[in-house]
Every structure is written in C-alpha cells, then in structure tokens.
Amino acid sequence: MPPMQPRSLVIEEVSDLPNGPHILRLRGPLILTTLTEFQSRVRADRSHNLILDLTEVPYVDSAGIGALVGTYVRHQRDENALSLVGVNDRVHAALKIAHIEQFFRFFDSLGEAQAKRV
C-alpha cells in the first residue's frame, strides 16, 4: 500500500453483526479539512452503539475535537453509546487538554469494545 497523504482521511465501514455495534475505522488526521465526510457519516448513524476505530488517526485539531464532541452529544441525546478504539497518546492528550476525555469510553482494541455490552 502506498503511503497515505498526510492530510486525507479515509473512513471505512467495518462489517458487523446485524444487531451489533456500528464500526467506523478512520485512517488519517481528523482535522478541519477532513471533517466533511466524517460528520456526514456519524450524523447518518442510527445505531445504538457507535465505535470509532482511531488506531490509524495520528492527530486531531480543534475542529476534529469539536466533531467528536458533536458526535458524543448526539449519541447522548439519543441515549446511544459512543466508544473510541486505539486512541494514541497524542490524540488522547488533545482530548485531555480540551477537558473532554471523560465523555468517551476508551478501548485498546475493537474486540474489547465489541465485547462491552451497552
């Protein structure tokens, strides 16, 4: 696979079980210039359990943090769960600095997140 462009974000639907969680795997930075597709995908999500696999997200900026908060708020309002998987130290630090890390459930792997029942 060729190296990824540093400013592009690829969002992949991970196949899941019919009544299982909805999983979106992100590859690339979650930043202002990559938010459009992310926001439309998470707004379209109607699952009761959304898992965002951020294993391949190297960093987020303030717009990306805002998009994650917006996703959290919508899921909380609808009483649905939102989990983050594979968050690296740089992204976790950004969430902590923004004082929002307590809004999310963090897991090291997709398997661990899927095993957690809502």
N, C-alpha and C. Protein backbone atom coordinates (compact mmCIF):
# COMPACT_ATOMS: atom_id res chain seq x y z
N MET A 1 0.84 -1.17 0.00
CA MET A 1 0.00 0.00 0.00
C MET A 1 0.89 1.25 0.00
N PRO A 2 0.61 2.21 -0.88
CA PRO A 2 1.44 3.42 -0.91
C PRO A 2 1.21 4.27 0.34
N PRO A 3 2.17 5.11 0.70
CA PRO A 3 2.00 5.94 1.89
C PRO A 3 0.78 6.86 1.73
N MET A 4 0.07 7.07 2.82
CA MET A 4 -1.12 7.89 2.78
C MET A 4 -0.74 9.36 2.73
N GLN A 5 -1.55 10.13 2.01
CA GLN A 5 -1.37 11.57 2.03
C GLN A 5 -1.64 12.05 3.46
N PRO A 6 -0.78 12.88 4.01
CA PRO A 6 -0.92 13.24 5.42
C PRO A 6 -2.18 14.02 5.74
N ARG A 7 -2.80 14.65 4.76
CA ARG A 7 -3.99 15.46 5.05
C ARG A 7 -5.27 14.85 4.51
N SER A 8 -5.29 13.54 4.29
CA SER A 8 -6.53 12.90 3.84
C SER A 8 -7.04 11.97 4.93
N LEU A 9 -8.35 11.79 4.95
CA LEU A 9 -8.98 10.91 5.92
C LEU A 9 -9.81 9.90 5.15
N VAL A 10 -9.57 8.63 5.42
CA VAL A 10 -10.35 7.55 4.81
C VAL A 10 -11.22 6.96 5.91
N ILE A 11 -12.50 6.80 5.61
CA ILE A 11 -13.43 6.22 6.58
C ILE A 11 -13.97 4.93 6.00
N GLU A 12 -13.78 3.86 6.74
CA GLU A 12 -14.19 2.53 6.28
C GLU A 12 -15.26 1.99 7.23
N GLU A 13 -16.32 1.47 6.63
CA GLU A 13 -17.35 0.77 7.41
C GLU A 13 -16.81 -0.62 7.67
N VAL A 14 -16.74 -1.00 8.92
CA VAL A 14 -16.28 -2.34 9.27
C VAL A 14 -17.52 -3.21 9.40
N SER A 15 -17.55 -4.31 8.66
CA SER A 15 -18.74 -5.16 8.71
C SER A 15 -18.96 -5.64 10.13
N ASP A 16 -20.23 -5.61 10.51
CA ASP A 16 -20.56 -6.03 11.86
C ASP A 16 -21.81 -6.88 11.84
N LEU A 17 -22.14 -7.42 12.95
CA LEU A 17 -23.32 -8.28 13.06
C LEU A 17 -24.58 -7.43 13.01
N PRO A 18 -25.69 -7.99 12.53
CA PRO A 18 -26.93 -7.22 12.35
C PRO A 18 -27.34 -6.36 13.55
N ASN A 19 -27.30 -6.91 14.74
CA ASN A 19 -27.69 -6.12 15.91
C ASN A 19 -26.50 -5.69 16.75
N GLY A 20 -25.34 -5.77 16.16
CA GLY A 20 -24.12 -5.39 16.88
C GLY A 20 -23.81 -3.92 16.72
N PRO A 21 -22.67 -3.49 17.19
CA PRO A 21 -22.29 -2.08 17.09
C PRO A 21 -21.98 -1.69 15.65
N HIS A 22 -22.11 -0.42 15.37
CA HIS A 22 -21.70 0.12 14.07
C HIS A 22 -20.26 0.61 14.24
N ILE A 23 -19.38 0.17 13.35
CA ILE A 23 -17.96 0.48 13.50
C ILE A 23 -17.48 1.28 12.29
N LEU A 24 -16.85 2.42 12.56
CA LEU A 24 -16.20 3.21 11.53
C LEU A 24 -14.71 3.25 11.83
N ARG A 25 -13.91 2.81 10.87
CA ARG A 25 -12.45 2.84 11.02
C ARG A 25 -11.93 4.06 10.26
N LEU A 26 -11.21 4.92 10.98
CA LEU A 26 -10.67 6.14 10.38
C LEU A 26 -9.18 5.97 10.14
N ARG A 27 -8.73 6.46 8.99
CA ARG A 27 -7.30 6.44 8.67
C ARG A 27 -6.90 7.83 8.20
N GLY A 28 -6.06 8.48 8.98
CA GLY A 28 -5.61 9.83 8.65
C GLY A 28 -6.03 10.79 9.75
N PRO A 29 -5.58 12.04 9.65
CA PRO A 29 -5.88 13.02 10.70
C PRO A 29 -7.34 13.46 10.68
N LEU A 30 -7.89 13.70 11.84
CA LEU A 30 -9.24 14.24 11.97
C LEU A 30 -9.08 15.73 12.21
N ILE A 31 -9.10 16.49 11.12
CA ILE A 31 -8.81 17.92 11.16
C ILE A 31 -9.84 18.68 10.31
N LEU A 32 -9.81 19.98 10.39
CA LEU A 32 -10.78 20.83 9.71
C LEU A 32 -10.99 20.44 8.24
N THR A 33 -9.90 20.18 7.52
CA THR A 33 -10.01 19.90 6.09
C THR A 33 -10.50 18.49 5.78
N THR A 34 -10.65 17.64 6.80
CA THR A 34 -11.10 16.26 6.55
C THR A 34 -12.43 15.95 7.23
N LEU A 35 -13.07 16.95 7.81
CA LEU A 35 -14.25 16.70 8.64
C LEU A 35 -15.55 16.43 7.89
N THR A 36 -15.68 16.91 6.67
CA THR A 36 -16.96 16.85 5.97
C THR A 36 -17.54 15.44 5.92
N GLU A 37 -16.77 14.48 5.42
CA GLU A 37 -17.27 13.12 5.31
C GLU A 37 -17.50 12.51 6.70
N PHE A 38 -16.59 12.77 7.63
CA PHE A 38 -16.75 12.24 8.99
C PHE A 38 -18.08 12.69 9.58
N GLN A 39 -18.36 13.97 9.50
CA GLN A 39 -19.59 14.49 10.09
C GLN A 39 -20.83 13.90 9.42
N SER A 40 -20.80 13.76 8.11
CA SER A 40 -21.98 13.20 7.45
C SER A 40 -22.16 11.73 7.81
N ARG A 41 -21.07 11.00 7.95
CA ARG A 41 -21.17 9.57 8.31
C ARG A 41 -21.71 9.38 9.73
N VAL A 42 -21.22 10.17 10.68
CA VAL A 42 -21.68 9.98 12.05
C VAL A 42 -23.09 10.52 12.24
N ARG A 43 -23.46 11.54 11.49
CA ARG A 43 -24.84 12.05 11.58
C ARG A 43 -25.82 11.04 11.02
N ALA A 44 -25.39 10.27 10.02
CA ALA A 44 -26.26 9.26 9.40
C ALA A 44 -26.38 8.01 10.27
N ASP A 45 -25.50 7.86 11.23
CA ASP A 45 -25.50 6.65 12.07
C ASP A 45 -26.72 6.63 12.98
N ARG A 46 -27.46 5.54 12.93
CA ARG A 46 -28.65 5.37 13.77
C ARG A 46 -28.50 4.17 14.70
N SER A 47 -27.29 3.67 14.84
CA SER A 47 -27.08 2.50 15.69
C SER A 47 -27.15 2.91 17.17
N HIS A 48 -27.31 1.91 18.01
CA HIS A 48 -27.32 2.17 19.46
C HIS A 48 -25.92 2.14 20.04
N ASN A 49 -24.97 1.73 19.23
CA ASN A 49 -23.59 1.63 19.72
C ASN A 49 -22.65 1.93 18.57
N LEU A 50 -22.07 3.12 18.57
CA LEU A 50 -21.12 3.52 17.53
C LEU A 50 -19.71 3.39 18.10
N ILE A 51 -18.88 2.67 17.35
CA ILE A 51 -17.47 2.53 17.73
C ILE A 51 -16.64 3.22 16.66
N LEU A 52 -15.80 4.15 17.07
CA LEU A 52 -14.87 4.81 16.16
C LEU A 52 -13.49 4.22 16.40
N ASP A 53 -12.96 3.56 15.38
CA ASP A 53 -11.61 2.99 15.47
C ASP A 53 -10.63 4.06 15.02
N LEU A 54 -9.91 4.63 15.98
CA LEU A 54 -8.97 5.72 15.71
C LEU A 54 -7.52 5.23 15.71
N THR A 55 -7.32 3.94 15.57
CA THR A 55 -5.97 3.37 15.62
C THR A 55 -5.03 4.04 14.63
N GLU A 56 -5.55 4.40 13.46
CA GLU A 56 -4.70 5.00 12.43
C GLU A 56 -4.94 6.49 12.25
N VAL A 57 -5.41 7.14 13.32
CA VAL A 57 -5.56 8.60 13.33
C VAL A 57 -4.38 9.17 14.09
N PRO A 58 -3.44 9.81 13.37
CA PRO A 58 -2.22 10.28 14.03
C PRO A 58 -2.44 11.50 14.93
N TYR A 59 -3.41 12.35 14.58
CA TYR A 59 -3.67 13.54 15.39
C TYR A 59 -5.02 14.14 15.05
N VAL A 60 -5.51 14.98 15.96
CA VAL A 60 -6.75 15.73 15.75
C VAL A 60 -6.44 17.20 16.03
N ASP A 61 -7.20 18.09 15.39
CA ASP A 61 -7.07 19.51 15.73
C ASP A 61 -8.34 19.93 16.46
N SER A 62 -8.48 21.22 16.73
CA SER A 62 -9.64 21.67 17.50
C SER A 62 -10.95 21.39 16.76
N ALA A 63 -10.94 21.45 15.44
CA ALA A 63 -12.15 21.14 14.67
C ALA A 63 -12.49 19.65 14.81
N GLY A 64 -11.47 18.79 14.79
CA GLY A 64 -11.70 17.36 14.99
C GLY A 64 -12.24 17.06 16.37
N ILE A 65 -11.71 17.76 17.37
CA ILE A 65 -12.21 17.60 18.73
C ILE A 65 -13.67 18.04 18.79
N GLY A 66 -13.97 19.15 18.14
CA GLY A 66 -15.35 19.63 18.10
C GLY A 66 -16.28 18.62 17.45
N ALA A 67 -15.82 17.97 16.39
CA ALA A 67 -16.63 16.96 15.70
C ALA A 67 -16.87 15.75 16.61
N LEU A 68 -15.85 15.35 17.37
CA LEU A 68 -16.02 14.25 18.31
C LEU A 68 -17.02 14.62 19.41
N VAL A 69 -16.93 15.85 19.90
CA VAL A 69 -17.89 16.30 20.92
C VAL A 69 -19.30 16.32 20.35
N GLY A 70 -19.45 16.81 19.13
CA GLY A 70 -20.77 16.82 18.49
C GLY A 70 -21.33 15.42 18.35
N THR A 71 -20.47 14.47 18.01
CA THR A 71 -20.89 13.08 17.88
C THR A 71 -21.32 12.54 19.24
N TYR A 72 -20.55 12.85 20.26
CA TYR A 72 -20.88 12.43 21.62
C TYR A 72 -22.24 13.01 22.05
N VAL A 73 -22.43 14.31 21.82
CA VAL A 73 -23.66 14.97 22.25
C VAL A 73 -24.87 14.33 21.58
N ARG A 74 -24.78 14.08 20.28
CA ARG A 74 -25.91 13.48 19.57
C ARG A 74 -26.21 12.08 20.11
N HIS A 75 -25.14 11.31 20.35
CA HIS A 75 -25.35 9.96 20.87
C HIS A 75 -25.90 9.97 22.29
N GLN A 76 -25.49 10.92 23.10
CA GLN A 76 -26.01 11.02 24.46
C GLN A 76 -27.48 11.42 24.44
N ARG A 77 -27.81 12.37 23.59
CA ARG A 77 -29.20 12.84 23.48
C ARG A 77 -30.12 11.69 23.08
N ASP A 78 -29.62 10.85 22.19
CA ASP A 78 -30.40 9.70 21.72
C ASP A 78 -30.21 8.46 22.60
N GLU A 79 -29.48 8.64 23.71
CA GLU A 79 -29.19 7.55 24.65
C GLU A 79 -28.48 6.38 24.00
N ASN A 80 -27.56 6.69 23.12
CA ASN A 80 -26.76 5.67 22.45
C ASN A 80 -25.32 5.76 22.94
N ALA A 81 -24.58 4.69 22.75
CA ALA A 81 -23.21 4.63 23.25
C ALA A 81 -22.21 5.04 22.16
N LEU A 82 -21.13 5.64 22.58
CA LEU A 82 -20.03 6.01 21.68
C LEU A 82 -18.73 5.57 22.32
N SER A 83 -17.96 4.77 21.57
CA SER A 83 -16.68 4.28 22.07
C SER A 83 -15.57 4.65 21.11
N LEU A 84 -14.38 4.90 21.65
CA LEU A 84 -13.20 5.19 20.85
C LEU A 84 -12.20 4.06 21.06
N VAL A 85 -11.66 3.57 19.95
CA VAL A 85 -10.72 2.45 19.99
C VAL A 85 -9.36 2.89 19.46
N GLY A 86 -8.30 2.43 20.11
CA GLY A 86 -6.94 2.63 19.60
C GLY A 86 -6.45 4.06 19.60
N VAL A 87 -6.91 4.86 20.54
CA VAL A 87 -6.51 6.27 20.60
C VAL A 87 -5.05 6.36 21.03
N ASN A 88 -4.23 7.02 20.19
CA ASN A 88 -2.82 7.14 20.54
C ASN A 88 -2.60 8.24 21.59
N ASP A 89 -1.39 8.32 22.10
CA ASP A 89 -1.08 9.27 23.17
C ASP A 89 -1.31 10.72 22.75
N ARG A 90 -0.97 11.04 21.49
CA ARG A 90 -1.11 12.41 21.01
C ARG A 90 -2.59 12.83 20.96
N VAL A 91 -3.44 11.95 20.45
CA VAL A 91 -4.88 12.24 20.38
C VAL A 91 -5.47 12.28 21.78
N HIS A 92 -5.08 11.33 22.62
CA HIS A 92 -5.60 11.30 24.00
C HIS A 92 -5.22 12.58 24.74
N ALA A 93 -3.99 13.03 24.54
CA ALA A 93 -3.54 14.27 25.18
C ALA A 93 -4.37 15.47 24.71
N ALA A 94 -4.69 15.51 23.43
CA ALA A 94 -5.52 16.60 22.91
C ALA A 94 -6.90 16.59 23.54
N LEU A 95 -7.48 15.40 23.70
CA LEU A 95 -8.80 15.28 24.33
C LEU A 95 -8.73 15.69 25.81
N LYS A 96 -7.62 15.33 26.45
CA LYS A 96 -7.44 15.67 27.87
C LYS A 96 -7.27 17.19 28.04
N ILE A 97 -6.47 17.80 27.18
CA ILE A 97 -6.25 19.25 27.25
C ILE A 97 -7.57 20.00 27.05
N ALA A 98 -8.42 19.46 26.18
CA ALA A 98 -9.72 20.07 25.90
C ALA A 98 -10.75 19.75 26.99
N HIS A 99 -10.35 18.95 27.98
CA HIS A 99 -11.21 18.57 29.10
C HIS A 99 -12.45 17.80 28.65
N ILE A 100 -12.28 16.93 27.65
CA ILE A 100 -13.44 16.16 27.17
C ILE A 100 -13.20 14.65 27.20
N GLU A 101 -12.05 14.20 27.69
CA GLU A 101 -11.77 12.76 27.65
C GLU A 101 -12.77 11.96 28.48
N GLN A 102 -13.39 12.59 29.47
CA GLN A 102 -14.34 11.87 30.31
C GLN A 102 -15.64 11.54 29.59
N PHE A 103 -15.88 12.13 28.43
CA PHE A 103 -17.11 11.87 27.67
C PHE A 103 -17.08 10.55 26.92
N PHE A 104 -15.90 10.00 26.73
CA PHE A 104 -15.75 8.84 25.86
C PHE A 104 -15.37 7.58 26.63
N ARG A 105 -15.75 6.45 26.06
CA ARG A 105 -15.28 5.16 26.56
C ARG A 105 -14.11 4.78 25.67
N PHE A 106 -12.97 4.47 26.26
CA PHE A 106 -11.76 4.14 25.51
C PHE A 106 -11.48 2.65 25.60
N PHE A 107 -11.10 2.06 24.46
CA PHE A 107 -10.72 0.65 24.41
C PHE A 107 -9.44 0.52 23.59
N ASP A 108 -8.64 -0.48 23.93
CA ASP A 108 -7.39 -0.70 23.20
C ASP A 108 -7.61 -1.41 21.87
N SER A 109 -8.68 -2.21 21.78
CA SER A 109 -8.90 -2.98 20.55
C SER A 109 -10.39 -3.03 20.21
N LEU A 110 -10.67 -3.33 18.95
CA LEU A 110 -12.06 -3.47 18.53
C LEU A 110 -12.74 -4.62 19.28
N GLY A 111 -12.02 -5.73 19.46
CA GLY A 111 -12.58 -6.86 20.17
C GLY A 111 -13.02 -6.50 21.57
N GLU A 112 -12.21 -5.71 22.25
CA GLU A 112 -12.52 -5.28 23.61
C GLU A 112 -13.78 -4.39 23.61
N ALA A 113 -13.88 -3.48 22.63
CA ALA A 113 -15.04 -2.59 22.54
C ALA A 113 -16.30 -3.36 22.19
N GLN A 114 -16.18 -4.33 21.29
CA GLN A 114 -17.34 -5.11 20.89
C GLN A 114 -17.83 -6.01 22.02
N ALA A 115 -16.95 -6.46 22.87
CA ALA A 115 -17.31 -7.34 23.97
C ALA A 115 -18.07 -6.58 25.06
N LYS A 116 -17.88 -5.26 25.09
CA LYS A 116 -18.56 -4.44 26.11
C LYS A 116 -20.00 -4.23 25.69
N ARG A 117 -20.93 -4.73 26.48
CA ARG A 117 -22.36 -4.59 26.17
C ARG A 117 -22.86 -3.26 26.73
N VAL A 118 -23.68 -2.61 25.94
CA VAL A 118 -24.22 -1.31 26.35
C VAL A 118 -25.45 -1.52 27.20
